[in-house]
Amino acid sequence: MNRFSIHEDAETELSAATNYYESQSPGLGRAFIKEFERAVHQILTYPLSCQLVNRTVRILSGGTPCQAGSKRY
């Protein structure tokens, strides 16, 4: 079974980004979190489908490259 954890600093940054997007447009913060969760699911389910750069897994999310977590391979 794949496991996922998020660093405390990353969790703080994720929360701040969510709040920012929600302040820009109601519902946008929730959409951002849903896309983040989709990206995490994609990485955990198909880890080889993602780009690995400096031990950081990257995945295209909504057309924009974003770092979605770290995992050593």
PDB file of N, CA and C in Angstrom:
ATOM      1  N   MET A   1       0.844  -1.192   0.000  1.00  0.00           N
ATOM      2  CA  MET A   1       0.000   0.000   0.000  1.00  0.00           C
ATOM      3  C   MET A   1       0.883   1.246   0.000  1.00  0.00           C
ATOM      4  N   ASN A   2       0.555   2.197  -0.851  1.00  0.00           N
ATOM      5  CA  ASN A   2       1.291   3.448  -0.905  1.00  0.00           C
ATOM      6  C   ASN A   2       0.887   4.354   0.236  1.00  0.00           C
ATOM      7  N   ARG A   3       1.887   5.049   0.765  1.00  0.00           N
ATOM      8  CA  ARG A   3       1.623   5.979   1.854  1.00  0.00           C
ATOM      9  C   ARG A   3       2.001   7.378   1.398  1.00  0.00           C
ATOM     10  N   PHE A   4       1.346   8.346   1.972  1.00  0.00           N
ATOM     11  CA  PHE A   4       1.592   9.740   1.629  1.00  0.00           C
ATOM     12  C   PHE A   4       1.659  10.542   2.904  1.00  0.00           C
ATOM     13  N   SER A   5       2.624  11.430   2.977  1.00  0.00           N
ATOM     14  CA  SER A   5       2.682  12.384   4.082  1.00  0.00           C
ATOM     15  C   SER A   5       3.122  13.717   3.496  1.00  0.00           C
ATOM     16  N   ILE A   6       2.723  14.764   4.157  1.00  0.00           N
ATOM     17  CA  ILE A   6       3.065  16.106   3.698  1.00  0.00           C
ATOM     18  C   ILE A   6       3.838  16.797   4.818  1.00  0.00           C
ATOM     19  N   HIS A   7       4.937  17.414   4.455  1.00  0.00           N
ATOM     20  CA  HIS A   7       5.769  18.129   5.423  1.00  0.00           C
ATOM     21  C   HIS A   7       4.963  19.268   6.036  1.00  0.00           C
ATOM     22  N   GLU A   8       5.223  19.546   7.300  1.00  0.00           N
ATOM     23  CA  GLU A   8       4.481  20.599   8.019  1.00  0.00           C
ATOM     24  C   GLU A   8       4.551  21.937   7.283  1.00  0.00           C
ATOM     25  N   ASP A   9       5.724  22.302   6.763  1.00  0.00           N
ATOM     26  CA  ASP A   9       5.858  23.564   6.026  1.00  0.00           C
ATOM     27  C   ASP A   9       5.043  23.544   4.737  1.00  0.00           C
ATOM     28  N   ALA A  10       5.031  22.395   4.063  1.00  0.00           N
ATOM     29  CA  ALA A  10       4.249  22.269   2.833  1.00  0.00           C
ATOM     30  C   ALA A  10       2.762  22.354   3.133  1.00  0.00           C
ATOM     31  N   GLU A  11       2.348  21.781   4.262  1.00  0.00           N
ATOM     32  CA  GLU A  11       0.942  21.853   4.652  1.00  0.00           C
ATOM     33  C   GLU A  11       0.526  23.302   4.907  1.00  0.00           C
ATOM     34  N   THR A  12       1.408  24.059   5.550  1.00  0.00           N
ATOM     35  CA  THR A  12       1.145  25.477   5.799  1.00  0.00           C
ATOM     36  C   THR A  12       1.032  26.240   4.485  1.00  0.00           C
ATOM     37  N   GLU A  13       1.947  25.945   3.552  1.00  0.00           N
ATOM     38  CA  GLU A  13       1.923  26.601   2.245  1.00  0.00           C
ATOM     39  C   GLU A  13       0.677  26.220   1.455  1.00  0.00           C
ATOM     40  N   LEU A  14       0.279  24.961   1.521  1.00  0.00           N
ATOM     41  CA  LEU A  14      -0.926  24.493   0.835  1.00  0.00           C
ATOM     42  C   LEU A  14      -2.162  25.209   1.375  1.00  0.00           C
ATOM     43  N   SER A  15      -2.215  25.359   2.685  1.00  0.00           N
ATOM     44  CA  SER A  15      -3.341  26.050   3.315  1.00  0.00           C
ATOM     45  C   SER A  15      -3.381  27.523   2.900  1.00  0.00           C
ATOM     46  N   ALA A  16      -2.215  28.164   2.881  1.00  0.00           N
ATOM     47  CA  ALA A  16      -2.151  29.575   2.478  1.00  0.00           C
ATOM     48  C   ALA A  16      -2.575  29.744   1.018  1.00  0.00           C
ATOM     49  N   ALA A  17      -2.120  28.842   0.150  1.00  0.00           N
ATOM     50  CA  ALA A  17      -2.495  28.914  -1.266  1.00  0.00           C
ATOM     51  C   ALA A  17      -3.997  28.702  -1.435  1.00  0.00           C
ATOM     52  N   THR A  18      -4.537  27.743  -0.692  1.00  0.00           N
ATOM     53  CA  THR A  18      -5.978  27.479  -0.753  1.00  0.00           C
ATOM     54  C   THR A  18      -6.763  28.709  -0.330  1.00  0.00           C
ATOM     55  N   ASN A  19      -6.346  29.329   0.765  1.00  0.00           N
ATOM     56  CA  ASN A  19      -7.027  30.538   1.248  1.00  0.00           C
ATOM     57  C   ASN A  19      -6.925  31.674   0.236  1.00  0.00           C
ATOM     58  N   TYR A  20      -5.737  31.806  -0.386  1.00  0.00           N
ATOM     59  CA  TYR A  20      -5.564  32.850  -1.400  1.00  0.00           C
ATOM     60  C   TYR A  20      -6.523  32.630  -2.568  1.00  0.00           C
ATOM     61  N   TYR A  21      -6.540  31.417  -3.116  1.00  0.00           N
ATOM     62  CA  TYR A  21      -7.412  31.140  -4.251  1.00  0.00           C
ATOM     63  C   TYR A  21      -8.885  31.334  -3.888  1.00  0.00           C
ATOM     64  N   GLU A  22      -9.244  30.941  -2.688  1.00  0.00           N
ATOM     65  CA  GLU A  22     -10.639  31.114  -2.258  1.00  0.00           C
ATOM     66  C   GLU A  22     -10.987  32.596  -2.146  1.00  0.00           C
ATOM     67  N   SER A  23     -10.012  33.410  -1.717  1.00  0.00           N
ATOM     68  CA  SER A  23     -10.263  34.855  -1.607  1.00  0.00           C
ATOM     69  C   SER A  23     -10.397  35.513  -2.978  1.00  0.00           C
ATOM     70  N   GLN A  24      -9.805  34.901  -4.004  1.00  0.00           N
ATOM     71  CA  GLN A  24      -9.891  35.444  -5.351  1.00  0.00           C
ATOM     72  C   GLN A  24     -11.224  35.140  -6.008  1.00  0.00           C
ATOM     73  N   SER A  25     -11.769  33.969  -5.697  1.00  0.00           N
ATOM     74  CA  SER A  25     -13.042  33.562  -6.281  1.00  0.00           C
ATOM     75  C   SER A  25     -13.637  32.432  -5.441  1.00  0.00           C
ATOM     76  N   PRO A  26     -14.855  32.614  -4.919  1.00  0.00           N
ATOM     77  CA  PRO A  26     -15.463  31.556  -4.105  1.00  0.00           C
ATOM     78  C   PRO A  26     -15.498  30.222  -4.862  1.00  0.00           C
ATOM     79  N   GLY A  27     -15.024  29.181  -4.190  1.00  0.00           N
ATOM     80  CA  GLY A  27     -14.995  27.851  -4.792  1.00  0.00           C
ATOM     81  C   GLY A  27     -13.656  27.505  -5.421  1.00  0.00           C
ATOM     82  N   LEU A  28     -12.840  28.519  -5.719  1.00  0.00           N
ATOM     83  CA  LEU A  28     -11.558  28.268  -6.361  1.00  0.00           C
ATOM     84  C   LEU A  28     -10.589  27.553  -5.412  1.00  0.00           C
ATOM     85  N   GLY A  29     -10.648  27.877  -4.136  1.00  0.00           N
ATOM     86  CA  GLY A  29      -9.808  27.197  -3.155  1.00  0.00           C
ATOM     87  C   GLY A  29     -10.142  25.716  -3.074  1.00  0.00           C
ATOM     88  N   ARG A  30     -11.416  25.403  -3.077  1.00  0.00           N
ATOM     89  CA  ARG A  30     -11.850  23.994  -3.035  1.00  0.00           C
ATOM     90  C   ARG A  30     -11.410  23.272  -4.307  1.00  0.00           C
ATOM     91  N   ALA A  31     -11.517  23.933  -5.445  1.00  0.00           N
ATOM     92  CA  ALA A  31     -11.072  23.333  -6.704  1.00  0.00           C
ATOM     93  C   ALA A  31      -9.561  23.073  -6.666  1.00  0.00           C
ATOM     94  N   PHE A  32      -8.813  23.986  -6.059  1.00  0.00           N
ATOM     95  CA  PHE A  32      -7.370  23.824  -5.931  1.00  0.00           C
ATOM     96  C   PHE A  32      -7.040  22.586  -5.093  1.00  0.00           C
ATOM     97  N   ILE A  33      -7.725  22.420  -3.968  1.00  0.00           N
ATOM     98  CA  ILE A  33      -7.496  21.253  -3.095  1.00  0.00           C
ATOM     99  C   ILE A  33      -7.868  19.963  -3.829  1.00  0.00           C
ATOM    100  N   LYS A  34      -8.980  19.978  -4.555  1.00  0.00           N
ATOM    101  CA  LYS A  34      -9.384  18.777  -5.305  1.00  0.00           C
ATOM    102  C   LYS A  34      -8.328  18.406  -6.338  1.00  0.00           C
ATOM    103  N   GLU A  35      -7.751  19.403  -7.000  1.00  0.00           N
ATOM    104  CA  GLU A  35      -6.709  19.136  -7.998  1.00  0.00           C
ATOM    105  C   GLU A  35      -5.442  18.613  -7.313  1.00  0.00           C
ATOM    106  N   PHE A  36      -5.119  19.152  -6.154  1.00  0.00           N
ATOM    107  CA  PHE A  36      -3.971  18.653  -5.387  1.00  0.00           C
ATOM    108  C   PHE A  36      -4.190  17.187  -5.012  1.00  0.00           C
ATOM    109  N   GLU A  37      -5.373  16.876  -4.518  1.00  0.00           N
ATOM    110  CA  GLU A  37      -5.688  15.487  -4.147  1.00  0.00           C
ATOM    111  C   GLU A  37      -5.637  14.563  -5.355  1.00  0.00           C
ATOM    112  N   ARG A  38      -6.081  15.041  -6.524  1.00  0.00           N
ATOM    113  CA  ARG A  38      -6.023  14.252  -7.743  1.00  0.00           C
ATOM    114  C   ARG A  38      -4.566  13.976  -8.123  1.00  0.00           C
ATOM    115  N   ALA A  39      -3.719  15.000  -7.991  1.00  0.00           N
ATOM    116  CA  ALA A  39      -2.306  14.840  -8.323  1.00  0.00           C
ATOM    117  C   ALA A  39      -1.627  13.846  -7.387  1.00  0.00           C
ATOM    118  N   VAL A  40      -1.941  13.920  -6.091  1.00  0.00           N
ATOM    119  CA  VAL A  40      -1.370  12.972  -5.132  1.00  0.00           C
ATOM    120  C   VAL A  40      -1.815  11.551  -5.465  1.00  0.00           C
ATOM    121  N   HIS A  41      -3.086  11.385  -5.781  1.00  0.00           N
ATOM    122  CA  HIS A  41      -3.603  10.065  -6.149  1.00  0.00           C
ATOM    123  C   HIS A  41      -2.879   9.537  -7.390  1.00  0.00           C
ATOM    124  N   GLN A  42      -2.673  10.404  -8.376  1.00  0.00           N
ATOM    125  CA  GLN A  42      -1.972  10.017  -9.608  1.00  0.00           C
ATOM    126  C   GLN A  42      -0.550   9.550  -9.286  1.00  0.00           C
ATOM    127  N   ILE A  43       0.141  10.276  -8.438  1.00  0.00           N
ATOM    128  CA  ILE A  43       1.518   9.923  -8.076  1.00  0.00           C
ATOM    129  C   ILE A  43       1.562   8.596  -7.339  1.00  0.00           C
ATOM    130  N   LEU A  44       0.657   8.404  -6.408  1.00  0.00           N
ATOM    131  CA  LEU A  44       0.654   7.167  -5.628  1.00  0.00           C
ATOM    132  C   LEU A  44       0.244   5.959  -6.464  1.00  0.00           C
ATOM    133  N   THR A  45      -0.669   6.164  -7.397  1.00  0.00           N
ATOM    134  CA  THR A  45      -1.164   5.066  -8.222  1.00  0.00           C
ATOM    135  C   THR A  45      -0.215   4.736  -9.364  1.00  0.00           C
ATOM    136  N   TYR A  46       0.335   5.761  -9.989  1.00  0.00           N
ATOM    137  CA  TYR A  46       1.201   5.582 -11.157  1.00  0.00           C
ATOM    138  C   TYR A  46       2.493   6.387 -10.978  1.00  0.00           C
ATOM    139  N   PRO A  47       3.345   6.013 -10.044  1.00  0.00           N
ATOM    140  CA  PRO A  47       4.541   6.816  -9.749  1.00  0.00           C
ATOM    141  C   PRO A  47       5.498   6.979 -10.934  1.00  0.00           C
ATOM    142  N   LEU A  48       5.524   6.028 -11.836  1.00  0.00           N
ATOM    143  CA  LEU A  48       6.438   6.131 -12.974  1.00  0.00           C
ATOM    144  C   LEU A  48       5.920   7.035 -14.078  1.00  0.00           C
ATOM    145  N   SER A  49       4.684   7.519 -13.949  1.00  0.00           N
ATOM    146  CA  SER A  49       4.125   8.423 -14.950  1.00  0.00           C
ATOM    147  C   SER A  49       4.502   9.875 -14.680  1.00  0.00           C
ATOM    148  N   CYS A  50       5.221  10.109 -13.591  1.00  0.00           N
ATOM    149  CA  CYS A  50       5.563  11.458 -13.173  1.00  0.00           C
ATOM    150  C   CYS A  50       7.047  11.716 -13.384  1.00  0.00           C
ATOM    151  N   GLN A  51       7.388  12.973 -13.522  1.00  0.00           N
ATOM    152  CA  GLN A  51       8.770  13.374 -13.692  1.00  0.00           C
ATOM    153  C   GLN A  51       9.448  13.434 -12.328  1.00  0.00           C
ATOM    154  N   LEU A  52      10.672  12.942 -12.231  1.00  0.00           N
ATOM    155  CA  LEU A  52      11.448  12.973 -10.998  1.00  0.00           C
ATOM    156  C   LEU A  52      12.609  13.935 -11.197  1.00  0.00           C
ATOM    157  N   VAL A  53      12.639  15.016 -10.399  1.00  0.00           N
ATOM    158  CA  VAL A  53      13.683  16.022 -10.489  1.00  0.00           C
ATOM    159  C   VAL A  53      14.234  16.255  -9.092  1.00  0.00           C
ATOM    160  N   ASN A  54      15.514  15.947  -8.908  1.00  0.00           N
ATOM    161  CA  ASN A  54      16.152  16.133  -7.594  1.00  0.00           C
ATOM    162  C   ASN A  54      15.349  15.484  -6.468  1.00  0.00           C
ATOM    163  N   ARG A  55      14.943  14.239  -6.677  1.00  0.00           N
ATOM    164  CA  ARG A  55      14.187  13.438  -5.714  1.00  0.00           C
ATOM    165  C   ARG A  55      12.822  14.052  -5.382  1.00  0.00           C
ATOM    166  N   THR A  56      12.333  14.955  -6.223  1.00  0.00           N
ATOM    167  CA  THR A  56      11.003  15.533  -6.062  1.00  0.00           C
ATOM    168  C   THR A  56      10.148  15.071  -7.234  1.00  0.00           C
ATOM    169  N   VAL A  57       8.994  14.512  -6.922  1.00  0.00           N
ATOM    170  CA  VAL A  57       8.078  14.068  -7.969  1.00  0.00           C
ATOM    171  C   VAL A  57       7.311  15.278  -8.472  1.00  0.00           C
ATOM    172  N   ARG A  58       7.269  15.423  -9.800  1.00  0.00           N
ATOM    173  CA  ARG A  58       6.520  16.526 -10.411  1.00  0.00           C
ATOM    174  C   ARG A  58       5.475  15.953 -11.347  1.00  0.00           C
ATOM    175  N   ILE A  59       4.339  16.610 -11.390  1.00  0.00           N
ATOM    176  CA  ILE A  59       3.248  16.167 -12.251  1.00  0.00           C
ATOM    177  C   ILE A  59       2.565  17.394 -12.839  1.00  0.00           C
ATOM    178  N   LEU A  60       2.106  17.282 -14.075  1.00  0.00           N
ATOM    179  CA  LEU A  60       1.344  18.370 -14.679  1.00  0.00           C
ATOM    180  C   LEU A  60      -0.031  18.415 -14.035  1.00  0.00           C
ATOM    181  N   SER A  61      -0.384  19.558 -13.570  1.00  0.00           N
ATOM    182  CA  SER A  61      -1.655  19.717 -12.875  1.00  0.00           C
ATOM    183  C   SER A  61      -2.400  20.903 -13.478  1.00  0.00           C
ATOM    184  N   GLY A  62      -3.484  20.633 -14.158  1.00  0.00           N
ATOM    185  CA  GLY A  62      -4.250  21.711 -14.767  1.00  0.00           C
ATOM    186  C   GLY A  62      -3.455  22.497 -15.800  1.00  0.00           C
ATOM    187  N   GLY A  63      -2.485  21.829 -16.429  1.00  0.00           N
ATOM    188  CA  GLY A  63      -1.687  22.493 -17.438  1.00  0.00           C
ATOM    189  C   GLY A  63      -0.481  23.230 -16.890  1.00  0.00           C
ATOM    190  N   THR A  64      -0.306  23.262 -15.574  1.00  0.00           N
ATOM    191  CA  THR A  64       0.809  23.948 -14.955  1.00  0.00           C
ATOM    192  C   THR A  64       1.643  22.958 -14.168  1.00  0.00           C
ATOM    193  N   PRO A  65       2.965  22.904 -14.411  1.00  0.00           N
ATOM    194  CA  PRO A  65       3.783  21.980 -13.632  1.00  0.00           C
ATOM    195  C   PRO A  65       3.816  22.413 -12.167  1.00  0.00           C
ATOM    196  N   CYS A  66       3.625  21.481 -11.287  1.00  0.00           N
ATOM    197  CA  CYS A  66       3.694  21.807  -9.861  1.00  0.00           C
ATOM    198  C   CYS A  66       4.369  20.655  -9.132  1.00  0.00           C
ATOM    199  N   GLN A  67       5.041  20.974  -8.044  1.00  0.00           N
ATOM    200  CA  GLN A  67       5.631  19.936  -7.226  1.00  0.00           C
ATOM    201  C   GLN A  67       4.526  19.415  -6.320  1.00  0.00           C
ATOM    202  N   ALA A  68       4.323  18.131  -6.349  1.00  0.00           N
ATOM    203  CA  ALA A  68       3.223  17.559  -5.580  1.00  0.00           C
ATOM    204  C   ALA A  68       3.721  16.685  -4.438  1.00  0.00           C
ATOM    205  N   GLY A  69       4.982  16.646  -4.200  1.00  0.00           N
ATOM    206  CA  GLY A  69       5.481  15.863  -3.088  1.00  0.00           C
ATOM    207  C   GLY A  69       6.870  15.336  -3.352  1.00  0.00           C
ATOM    208  N   SER A  70       7.457  14.768  -2.351  1.00  0.00           N
ATOM    209  CA  SER A  70       8.790  14.208  -2.489  1.00  0.00           C
ATOM    210  C   SER A  70       8.763  12.750  -2.111  1.00  0.00           C
ATOM    211  N   LYS A  71       9.522  11.971  -2.842  1.00  0.00           N
ATOM    212  CA  LYS A  71       9.657  10.556  -2.546  1.00  0.00           C
ATOM    213  C   LYS A  71      10.957  10.097  -3.159  1.00  0.00           C
ATOM    214  N   ARG A  72      11.771   9.410  -2.397  1.00  0.00           N
ATOM    215  CA  ARG A  72      13.042   8.917  -2.915  1.00  0.00           C
ATOM    216  C   ARG A  72      12.814   7.660  -3.723  1.00  0.00           C
ATOM    217  N   TYR A  73      13.467   7.589  -4.873  1.00  0.00           N
ATOM    218  CA  TYR A  73      13.417   6.407  -5.729  1.00  0.00           C
ATOM    219  C   TYR A  73      14.818   5.908  -5.932  1.00  0.00           C
TER     220      TYR A  73
END
